[in-house]
Amino acid sequence: MILFNVNVLARPNENFGARVPDPDGMGMWRSLYESSVGRTAVVVDEDVDKELLETWLKINNVKAVVYETVGTTEPRVKAEVVQRMLTAAGGRSMYLDTDAATVAHTLQLGIPSLLVCLPYTIRPEWSVEKQIRGWDSLVDEIDKQALARSEKNWGEIE
């Protein structure tokens, strides 16, 4: 079984329901889901309502065999929960997380683990907030481009 921490799949947010899926994390989920024949699970650090968690998983097409809510970010506790889940599943296993301390603890327990580092912006200078243009400015721009297109061939004889 392959266990994913939800932080690999979703970008952080104060409200769990407002978390946005991370494209790279979801890409890893899809590729490992297919190669493991659907034997994938999710571990959630925070204490989340079961219905909210299931809704988020369904909306984002995360078909986990099982999920576990830990309720704490304490690395040792998370590692013990991961060990318990993988022991119950038996067979080959792996754990993916964005927390280096948790990955260190899972490695100490003998669990193959992968530390996932997903940048939200590759370079800080590229993360310029986009200005939302008003409708009037869009209409003016369309009119200006239409006029320029018409004037392009204005002086030519047909």
N, C-alpha and C. Protein backbone atom coordinates (compact mmCIF):
# COMPACT_ATOMS: atom_id res chain seq x y z
N MET A 1 0.84 -1.18 0.00
CA MET A 1 0.00 0.00 0.00
C MET A 1 0.89 1.24 0.00
N ILE A 2 0.45 2.25 -0.69
CA ILE A 2 1.18 3.53 -0.74
C ILE A 2 0.35 4.56 0.02
N LEU A 3 0.95 5.17 1.03
CA LEU A 3 0.27 6.18 1.83
C LEU A 3 0.75 7.56 1.43
N PHE A 4 -0.21 8.46 1.23
CA PHE A 4 0.06 9.85 0.92
C PHE A 4 -0.40 10.71 2.08
N ASN A 5 0.42 11.65 2.50
CA ASN A 5 -0.06 12.67 3.42
C ASN A 5 -0.85 13.66 2.58
N VAL A 6 -1.93 14.18 3.11
CA VAL A 6 -2.80 15.07 2.34
C VAL A 6 -2.06 16.34 1.91
N ASN A 7 -0.98 16.70 2.60
CA ASN A 7 -0.21 17.88 2.23
C ASN A 7 0.53 17.69 0.91
N VAL A 8 0.72 16.45 0.49
CA VAL A 8 1.31 16.18 -0.82
C VAL A 8 0.27 16.45 -1.90
N LEU A 9 -0.97 16.17 -1.59
CA LEU A 9 -2.05 16.29 -2.58
C LEU A 9 -2.64 17.68 -2.68
N ALA A 10 -2.58 18.46 -1.60
CA ALA A 10 -3.26 19.77 -1.57
C ALA A 10 -2.36 20.85 -1.00
N ARG A 11 -2.52 22.02 -1.53
CA ARG A 11 -1.77 23.17 -1.02
C ARG A 11 -2.37 23.62 0.30
N PRO A 12 -1.56 24.18 1.18
CA PRO A 12 -2.06 24.55 2.51
C PRO A 12 -3.10 25.67 2.48
N ASN A 13 -4.01 25.60 3.45
CA ASN A 13 -5.03 26.63 3.64
C ASN A 13 -5.57 26.47 5.05
N GLU A 14 -6.02 27.56 5.65
CA GLU A 14 -6.55 27.49 7.00
C GLU A 14 -7.81 26.63 7.06
N ASN A 15 -8.64 26.71 6.03
CA ASN A 15 -9.87 25.93 5.97
C ASN A 15 -9.63 24.72 5.08
N PHE A 16 -9.84 23.52 5.61
CA PHE A 16 -9.54 22.30 4.84
C PHE A 16 -10.36 22.23 3.56
N GLY A 17 -11.61 22.62 3.61
CA GLY A 17 -12.46 22.55 2.44
C GLY A 17 -12.03 23.47 1.31
N ALA A 18 -11.26 24.51 1.64
CA ALA A 18 -10.80 25.47 0.63
C ALA A 18 -9.43 25.11 0.07
N ARG A 19 -8.87 23.98 0.47
CA ARG A 19 -7.55 23.59 -0.04
C ARG A 19 -7.64 23.26 -1.52
N VAL A 20 -6.66 23.73 -2.26
CA VAL A 20 -6.62 23.53 -3.71
C VAL A 20 -5.66 22.37 -3.99
N PRO A 21 -6.07 21.44 -4.85
CA PRO A 21 -5.16 20.33 -5.19
C PRO A 21 -3.88 20.84 -5.84
N ASP A 22 -2.77 20.23 -5.47
CA ASP A 22 -1.49 20.58 -6.07
C ASP A 22 -1.32 19.72 -7.33
N PRO A 23 -1.10 20.34 -8.49
CA PRO A 23 -1.01 19.56 -9.73
C PRO A 23 0.08 18.49 -9.71
N ASP A 24 1.24 18.81 -9.13
CA ASP A 24 2.33 17.84 -9.10
C ASP A 24 2.01 16.68 -8.15
N GLY A 25 1.46 17.01 -6.99
CA GLY A 25 1.07 15.97 -6.04
C GLY A 25 -0.02 15.07 -6.59
N MET A 26 -0.99 15.68 -7.27
CA MET A 26 -2.06 14.88 -7.86
C MET A 26 -1.53 14.02 -9.01
N GLY A 27 -0.53 14.52 -9.72
CA GLY A 27 0.10 13.72 -10.77
C GLY A 27 0.80 12.49 -10.19
N MET A 28 1.48 12.67 -9.05
CA MET A 28 2.10 11.52 -8.38
C MET A 28 1.04 10.53 -7.93
N TRP A 29 -0.06 11.06 -7.38
CA TRP A 29 -1.16 10.20 -6.92
C TRP A 29 -1.67 9.33 -8.08
N ARG A 30 -1.96 9.98 -9.22
CA ARG A 30 -2.52 9.24 -10.36
C ARG A 30 -1.56 8.17 -10.87
N SER A 31 -0.28 8.51 -10.98
CA SER A 31 0.67 7.54 -11.51
C SER A 31 0.89 6.38 -10.53
N LEU A 32 0.97 6.67 -9.24
CA LEU A 32 1.17 5.59 -8.27
C LEU A 32 -0.12 4.81 -8.03
N TYR A 33 -1.26 5.46 -8.20
CA TYR A 33 -2.55 4.77 -8.06
C TYR A 33 -2.67 3.69 -9.12
N GLU A 34 -2.30 4.01 -10.34
CA GLU A 34 -2.37 3.04 -11.43
C GLU A 34 -1.36 1.92 -11.25
N SER A 35 -0.14 2.25 -10.84
CA SER A 35 0.90 1.23 -10.71
C SER A 35 0.68 0.33 -9.50
N SER A 36 -0.04 0.81 -8.49
CA SER A 36 -0.29 0.00 -7.30
C SER A 36 -1.68 -0.64 -7.33
N VAL A 37 -2.34 -0.56 -8.45
CA VAL A 37 -3.66 -1.15 -8.67
C VAL A 37 -4.65 -0.64 -7.60
N GLY A 38 -4.59 0.64 -7.32
CA GLY A 38 -5.55 1.27 -6.43
C GLY A 38 -5.29 1.07 -4.95
N ARG A 39 -4.18 0.47 -4.57
CA ARG A 39 -3.89 0.27 -3.14
C ARG A 39 -3.17 1.51 -2.59
N THR A 40 -3.91 2.60 -2.49
CA THR A 40 -3.38 3.86 -1.99
C THR A 40 -4.26 4.36 -0.87
N ALA A 41 -3.66 5.10 0.06
CA ALA A 41 -4.39 5.61 1.22
C ALA A 41 -3.93 7.03 1.51
N VAL A 42 -4.71 7.73 2.34
CA VAL A 42 -4.43 9.12 2.67
C VAL A 42 -4.34 9.26 4.19
N VAL A 43 -3.34 10.02 4.64
CA VAL A 43 -3.18 10.36 6.05
C VAL A 43 -3.36 11.86 6.17
N VAL A 44 -4.24 12.28 7.09
CA VAL A 44 -4.54 13.70 7.27
C VAL A 44 -4.01 14.12 8.64
N ASP A 45 -3.17 15.18 8.68
CA ASP A 45 -2.59 15.66 9.93
C ASP A 45 -3.64 16.28 10.85
N GLU A 46 -4.40 17.19 10.28
CA GLU A 46 -5.31 17.98 11.08
C GLU A 46 -6.59 17.22 11.42
N ASP A 47 -7.30 17.72 12.40
CA ASP A 47 -8.56 17.11 12.81
C ASP A 47 -9.66 17.67 11.92
N VAL A 48 -10.12 16.85 10.97
CA VAL A 48 -11.08 17.27 9.96
C VAL A 48 -12.36 16.46 10.12
N ASP A 49 -13.47 17.12 9.89
CA ASP A 49 -14.75 16.43 9.90
C ASP A 49 -14.75 15.35 8.82
N LYS A 50 -15.25 14.16 9.16
CA LYS A 50 -15.24 13.02 8.24
C LYS A 50 -15.99 13.33 6.95
N GLU A 51 -17.13 13.97 7.05
CA GLU A 51 -17.93 14.28 5.87
C GLU A 51 -17.21 15.28 4.96
N LEU A 52 -16.58 16.29 5.56
CA LEU A 52 -15.82 17.28 4.78
C LEU A 52 -14.66 16.61 4.07
N LEU A 53 -13.94 15.73 4.76
CA LEU A 53 -12.80 15.02 4.16
C LEU A 53 -13.26 14.14 3.00
N GLU A 54 -14.32 13.39 3.20
CA GLU A 54 -14.81 12.52 2.13
C GLU A 54 -15.29 13.33 0.92
N THR A 55 -15.93 14.46 1.18
CA THR A 55 -16.38 15.32 0.08
C THR A 55 -15.19 15.86 -0.69
N TRP A 56 -14.15 16.32 0.01
CA TRP A 56 -12.95 16.84 -0.65
C TRP A 56 -12.30 15.75 -1.50
N LEU A 57 -12.21 14.55 -0.95
CA LEU A 57 -11.60 13.45 -1.70
C LEU A 57 -12.41 13.12 -2.96
N LYS A 58 -13.73 13.11 -2.85
CA LYS A 58 -14.58 12.80 -3.99
C LYS A 58 -14.49 13.88 -5.06
N ILE A 59 -14.55 15.15 -4.64
CA ILE A 59 -14.51 16.25 -5.60
C ILE A 59 -13.20 16.24 -6.38
N ASN A 60 -12.11 15.89 -5.72
CA ASN A 60 -10.80 15.91 -6.36
C ASN A 60 -10.38 14.55 -6.91
N ASN A 61 -11.32 13.60 -6.95
CA ASN A 61 -11.11 12.29 -7.55
C ASN A 61 -9.94 11.54 -6.93
N VAL A 62 -9.87 11.57 -5.59
CA VAL A 62 -8.87 10.84 -4.85
C VAL A 62 -9.56 9.61 -4.27
N LYS A 63 -9.39 8.47 -4.94
CA LYS A 63 -10.07 7.24 -4.54
C LYS A 63 -9.16 6.44 -3.62
N ALA A 64 -9.17 6.80 -2.36
CA ALA A 64 -8.32 6.13 -1.38
C ALA A 64 -9.02 4.88 -0.86
N VAL A 65 -8.24 3.80 -0.69
CA VAL A 65 -8.78 2.57 -0.11
C VAL A 65 -9.19 2.84 1.33
N VAL A 66 -8.38 3.61 2.02
CA VAL A 66 -8.64 3.96 3.41
C VAL A 66 -8.01 5.32 3.68
N TYR A 67 -8.54 6.03 4.66
CA TYR A 67 -7.92 7.28 5.10
C TYR A 67 -7.92 7.31 6.62
N GLU A 68 -6.96 8.03 7.16
CA GLU A 68 -6.82 8.12 8.61
C GLU A 68 -6.59 9.58 8.98
N THR A 69 -7.34 10.06 9.96
CA THR A 69 -7.15 11.41 10.49
C THR A 69 -6.34 11.31 11.76
N VAL A 70 -5.15 11.90 11.77
CA VAL A 70 -4.25 11.83 12.91
C VAL A 70 -4.63 12.86 13.97
N GLY A 71 -4.94 14.08 13.56
CA GLY A 71 -5.34 15.12 14.49
C GLY A 71 -4.20 15.89 15.11
N THR A 72 -2.96 15.61 14.71
CA THR A 72 -1.80 16.33 15.23
C THR A 72 -0.72 16.36 14.15
N THR A 73 0.18 17.32 14.28
CA THR A 73 1.31 17.41 13.35
C THR A 73 2.60 16.89 13.99
N GLU A 74 2.50 16.28 15.16
CA GLU A 74 3.65 15.71 15.86
C GLU A 74 4.24 14.59 15.00
N PRO A 75 5.51 14.73 14.56
CA PRO A 75 6.11 13.76 13.64
C PRO A 75 6.11 12.32 14.16
N ARG A 76 6.42 12.13 15.43
CA ARG A 76 6.50 10.77 15.97
C ARG A 76 5.13 10.09 15.97
N VAL A 77 4.09 10.86 16.31
CA VAL A 77 2.73 10.31 16.32
C VAL A 77 2.29 9.95 14.90
N LYS A 78 2.57 10.85 13.96
CA LYS A 78 2.22 10.57 12.56
C LYS A 78 2.94 9.32 12.06
N ALA A 79 4.21 9.18 12.39
CA ALA A 79 4.98 8.02 11.96
C ALA A 79 4.42 6.73 12.54
N GLU A 80 3.96 6.76 13.78
CA GLU A 80 3.38 5.57 14.40
C GLU A 80 2.05 5.20 13.75
N VAL A 81 1.26 6.20 13.39
CA VAL A 81 -0.01 5.94 12.69
C VAL A 81 0.27 5.32 11.32
N VAL A 82 1.27 5.85 10.62
CA VAL A 82 1.65 5.31 9.32
C VAL A 82 2.11 3.87 9.47
N GLN A 83 2.93 3.59 10.48
CA GLN A 83 3.41 2.23 10.70
C GLN A 83 2.24 1.28 10.99
N ARG A 84 1.28 1.72 11.80
CA ARG A 84 0.12 0.89 12.13
C ARG A 84 -0.71 0.59 10.88
N MET A 85 -0.92 1.61 10.03
CA MET A 85 -1.69 1.41 8.81
C MET A 85 -1.00 0.46 7.84
N LEU A 86 0.31 0.63 7.68
CA LEU A 86 1.04 -0.22 6.74
C LEU A 86 1.18 -1.65 7.26
N THR A 87 1.27 -1.81 8.57
CA THR A 87 1.32 -3.15 9.14
C THR A 87 0.00 -3.87 8.91
N ALA A 88 -1.11 -3.15 9.07
CA ALA A 88 -2.42 -3.74 8.83
C ALA A 88 -2.61 -4.10 7.36
N ALA A 89 -2.03 -3.32 6.46
CA ALA A 89 -2.18 -3.58 5.02
C ALA A 89 -1.30 -4.73 4.57
N GLY A 90 -0.15 -4.91 5.20
CA GLY A 90 0.78 -5.98 4.82
C GLY A 90 1.39 -5.72 3.46
N GLY A 91 2.38 -6.54 3.11
CA GLY A 91 2.99 -6.44 1.80
C GLY A 91 3.91 -5.24 1.64
N ARG A 92 4.21 -4.92 0.38
CA ARG A 92 5.10 -3.80 0.08
C ARG A 92 4.40 -2.49 0.36
N SER A 93 5.17 -1.49 0.76
CA SER A 93 4.56 -0.23 1.13
C SER A 93 5.52 0.94 0.93
N MET A 94 4.94 2.15 0.98
CA MET A 94 5.73 3.37 0.86
C MET A 94 4.90 4.52 1.44
N TYR A 95 5.59 5.55 1.95
CA TYR A 95 4.92 6.70 2.53
C TYR A 95 5.49 7.97 1.92
N LEU A 96 4.60 8.91 1.51
CA LEU A 96 5.01 10.19 0.95
C LEU A 96 4.50 11.31 1.84
N ASP A 97 5.38 12.25 2.18
CA ASP A 97 5.00 13.36 3.06
C ASP A 97 5.84 14.59 2.71
N THR A 98 5.33 15.76 3.11
CA THR A 98 6.06 17.01 2.90
C THR A 98 6.82 17.45 4.15
N ASP A 99 6.68 16.71 5.24
CA ASP A 99 7.33 17.05 6.51
C ASP A 99 8.59 16.20 6.68
N ALA A 100 9.75 16.85 6.72
CA ALA A 100 11.02 16.12 6.80
C ALA A 100 11.16 15.35 8.11
N ALA A 101 10.66 15.91 9.21
CA ALA A 101 10.77 15.23 10.50
C ALA A 101 9.96 13.94 10.52
N THR A 102 8.77 13.96 9.94
CA THR A 102 7.94 12.75 9.88
C THR A 102 8.60 11.70 9.01
N VAL A 103 9.15 12.12 7.89
CA VAL A 103 9.84 11.19 7.00
C VAL A 103 11.04 10.57 7.71
N ALA A 104 11.77 11.35 8.50
CA ALA A 104 12.90 10.83 9.26
C ALA A 104 12.43 9.76 10.24
N HIS A 105 11.30 10.00 10.91
CA HIS A 105 10.78 9.02 11.87
C HIS A 105 10.29 7.75 11.16
N THR A 106 9.65 7.89 10.02
CA THR A 106 9.18 6.70 9.30
C THR A 106 10.37 5.89 8.78
N LEU A 107 11.43 6.56 8.37
CA LEU A 107 12.62 5.84 7.94
C LEU A 107 13.26 5.09 9.10
N GLN A 108 13.25 5.68 10.30
CA GLN A 108 13.76 5.00 11.49
C GLN A 108 12.95 3.75 11.81
N LEU A 109 11.67 3.78 11.47
CA LEU A 109 10.80 2.62 11.71
C LEU A 109 10.93 1.58 10.59
N GLY A 110 11.75 1.86 9.59
CA GLY A 110 11.98 0.90 8.51
C GLY A 110 10.97 0.98 7.38
N ILE A 111 10.28 2.10 7.27
CA ILE A 111 9.27 2.27 6.22
C ILE A 111 9.90 3.05 5.07
N PRO A 112 9.89 2.50 3.86
CA PRO A 112 10.37 3.27 2.72
C PRO A 112 9.55 4.55 2.58
N SER A 113 10.22 5.69 2.58
CA SER A 113 9.52 6.98 2.59
C SER A 113 10.14 7.92 1.59
N LEU A 114 9.32 8.86 1.17
CA LEU A 114 9.77 9.85 0.19
C LEU A 114 9.38 11.24 0.70
N LEU A 115 10.36 12.12 0.79
CA LEU A 115 10.10 13.51 1.15
C LEU A 115 9.76 14.26 -0.13
N VAL A 116 8.58 14.83 -0.18
CA VAL A 116 8.10 15.52 -1.37
C VAL A 116 8.20 17.02 -1.11
N CYS A 117 8.90 17.72 -1.97
CA CYS A 117 9.05 19.17 -1.85
C CYS A 117 8.43 19.80 -3.09
N LEU A 118 7.24 20.37 -2.91
CA LEU A 118 6.51 20.97 -4.02
C LEU A 118 6.53 22.49 -3.90
N PRO A 119 7.25 23.18 -4.78
CA PRO A 119 7.25 24.64 -4.72
C PRO A 119 5.93 25.19 -5.24
N TYR A 120 5.45 26.22 -4.58
CA TYR A 120 4.20 26.84 -5.02
C TYR A 120 4.47 27.84 -6.14
N THR A 121 5.62 28.48 -6.09
CA THR A 121 6.08 29.30 -7.21
C THR A 121 7.56 28.95 -7.40
N ILE A 122 7.94 28.82 -8.63
CA ILE A 122 9.32 28.42 -8.89
C ILE A 122 10.29 29.53 -8.50
N ARG A 123 9.96 30.74 -8.85
CA ARG A 123 10.78 31.89 -8.49
C ARG A 123 9.87 32.96 -7.90
N PRO A 124 10.27 33.58 -6.80
CA PRO A 124 9.41 34.59 -6.18
C PRO A 124 9.04 35.74 -7.11
N GLU A 125 9.95 36.12 -8.02
CA GLU A 125 9.66 37.24 -8.92
C GLU A 125 8.59 36.87 -9.95
N TRP A 126 8.29 35.58 -10.10
CA TRP A 126 7.25 35.16 -11.04
C TRP A 126 5.87 35.17 -10.41
N SER A 127 5.78 35.36 -9.12
CA SER A 127 4.49 35.28 -8.44
C SER A 127 3.82 36.65 -8.32
N VAL A 128 3.76 37.36 -9.41
CA VAL A 128 3.12 38.67 -9.44
C VAL A 128 1.61 38.45 -9.46
N GLU A 129 0.93 39.13 -8.56
CA GLU A 129 -0.52 39.03 -8.54
C GLU A 129 -1.09 39.64 -9.81
N LYS A 130 -2.03 38.95 -10.44
CA LYS A 130 -2.63 39.44 -11.68
C LYS A 130 -3.67 40.51 -11.36
N GLN A 131 -3.64 41.55 -12.15
CA GLN A 131 -4.63 42.61 -12.02
C GLN A 131 -5.88 42.21 -12.79
N ILE A 132 -7.01 42.25 -12.13
CA ILE A 132 -8.25 41.93 -12.82
C ILE A 132 -8.74 43.19 -13.51
N ARG A 133 -8.90 43.08 -14.83
CA ARG A 133 -9.31 44.24 -15.60
C ARG A 133 -10.83 44.34 -15.59
N GLY A 134 -11.33 45.55 -15.56
CA GLY A 134 -12.76 45.78 -15.59
C GLY A 134 -13.35 45.50 -16.97
N TRP A 135 -14.65 45.32 -17.02
CA TRP A 135 -15.33 45.01 -18.28
C TRP A 135 -15.17 46.14 -19.29
N ASP A 136 -15.24 47.38 -18.83
CA ASP A 136 -15.11 48.52 -19.73
C ASP A 136 -13.76 48.54 -20.43
N SER A 137 -12.70 48.23 -19.69
CA SER A 137 -11.37 48.24 -20.30
C SER A 137 -11.23 47.11 -21.32
N LEU A 138 -11.89 45.98 -21.07
CA LEU A 138 -11.87 44.88 -22.04
C LEU A 138 -12.60 45.27 -23.33
N VAL A 139 -13.75 45.90 -23.20
CA VAL A 139 -14.52 46.34 -24.37
C VAL A 139 -13.72 47.36 -25.16
N ASP A 140 -13.08 48.32 -24.47
CA ASP A 140 -12.25 49.32 -25.15
C ASP A 140 -11.11 48.65 -25.91
N GLU A 141 -10.48 47.65 -25.31
CA GLU A 141 -9.37 46.94 -25.95
C GLU A 141 -9.85 46.21 -27.20
N ILE A 142 -11.01 45.57 -27.13
CA ILE A 142 -11.56 44.86 -28.29
C ILE A 142 -11.87 45.84 -29.42
N ASP A 143 -12.46 46.99 -29.08
CA ASP A 143 -12.75 48.01 -30.09
C ASP A 143 -11.47 48.54 -30.73
N LYS A 144 -10.45 48.77 -29.90
CA LYS A 144 -9.18 49.29 -30.41
C LYS A 144 -8.52 48.29 -31.36
N GLN A 145 -8.57 46.99 -31.03
CA GLN A 145 -7.99 45.97 -31.90
C GLN A 145 -8.79 45.82 -33.19
N ALA A 146 -10.11 45.95 -33.12
CA ALA A 146 -10.94 45.87 -34.33
C ALA A 146 -10.63 47.04 -35.26
N LEU A 147 -10.47 48.24 -34.70
CA LEU A 147 -10.14 49.41 -35.50
C LEU A 147 -8.76 49.25 -36.14
N ALA A 148 -7.79 48.76 -35.39
CA ALA A 148 -6.44 48.56 -35.93
C ALA A 148 -6.46 47.53 -37.06
N ARG A 149 -7.26 46.48 -36.92
CA ARG A 149 -7.38 45.46 -37.95
C ARG A 149 -8.00 46.05 -39.22
N SER A 150 -8.97 46.93 -39.05
CA SER A 150 -9.62 47.57 -40.21
C SER A 150 -8.69 48.54 -40.90
N GLU A 151 -7.91 49.29 -40.14
CA GLU A 151 -7.00 50.28 -40.70
C GLU A 151 -5.80 49.65 -41.38
N LYS A 152 -5.54 48.41 -41.09
CA LYS A 152 -4.37 47.73 -41.64
C LYS A 152 -4.40 47.73 -43.17
N ASN A 153 -5.53 47.44 -43.74
CA ASN A 153 -5.66 47.37 -45.20
C ASN A 153 -6.46 48.56 -45.76
N TRP A 154 -6.59 49.63 -45.04
CA TRP A 154 -7.43 50.75 -45.42
C TRP A 154 -6.95 51.44 -46.70
N GLY A 155 -5.67 51.61 -46.85
CA GLY A 155 -5.14 52.35 -47.99
C GLY A 155 -4.97 51.52 -49.25
N GLU A 156 -5.17 50.23 -49.19
CA GLU A 156 -4.98 49.37 -50.36
C GLU A 156 -6.20 49.38 -51.28
N ILE A 157 -5.93 49.24 -52.58
CA ILE A 157 -7.01 49.16 -53.57
C ILE A 157 -7.40 47.72 -53.73
N GLU A 158 -8.70 47.48 -53.73
CA GLU A 158 -9.15 46.09 -53.84
C GLU A 158 -9.32 45.66 -55.24
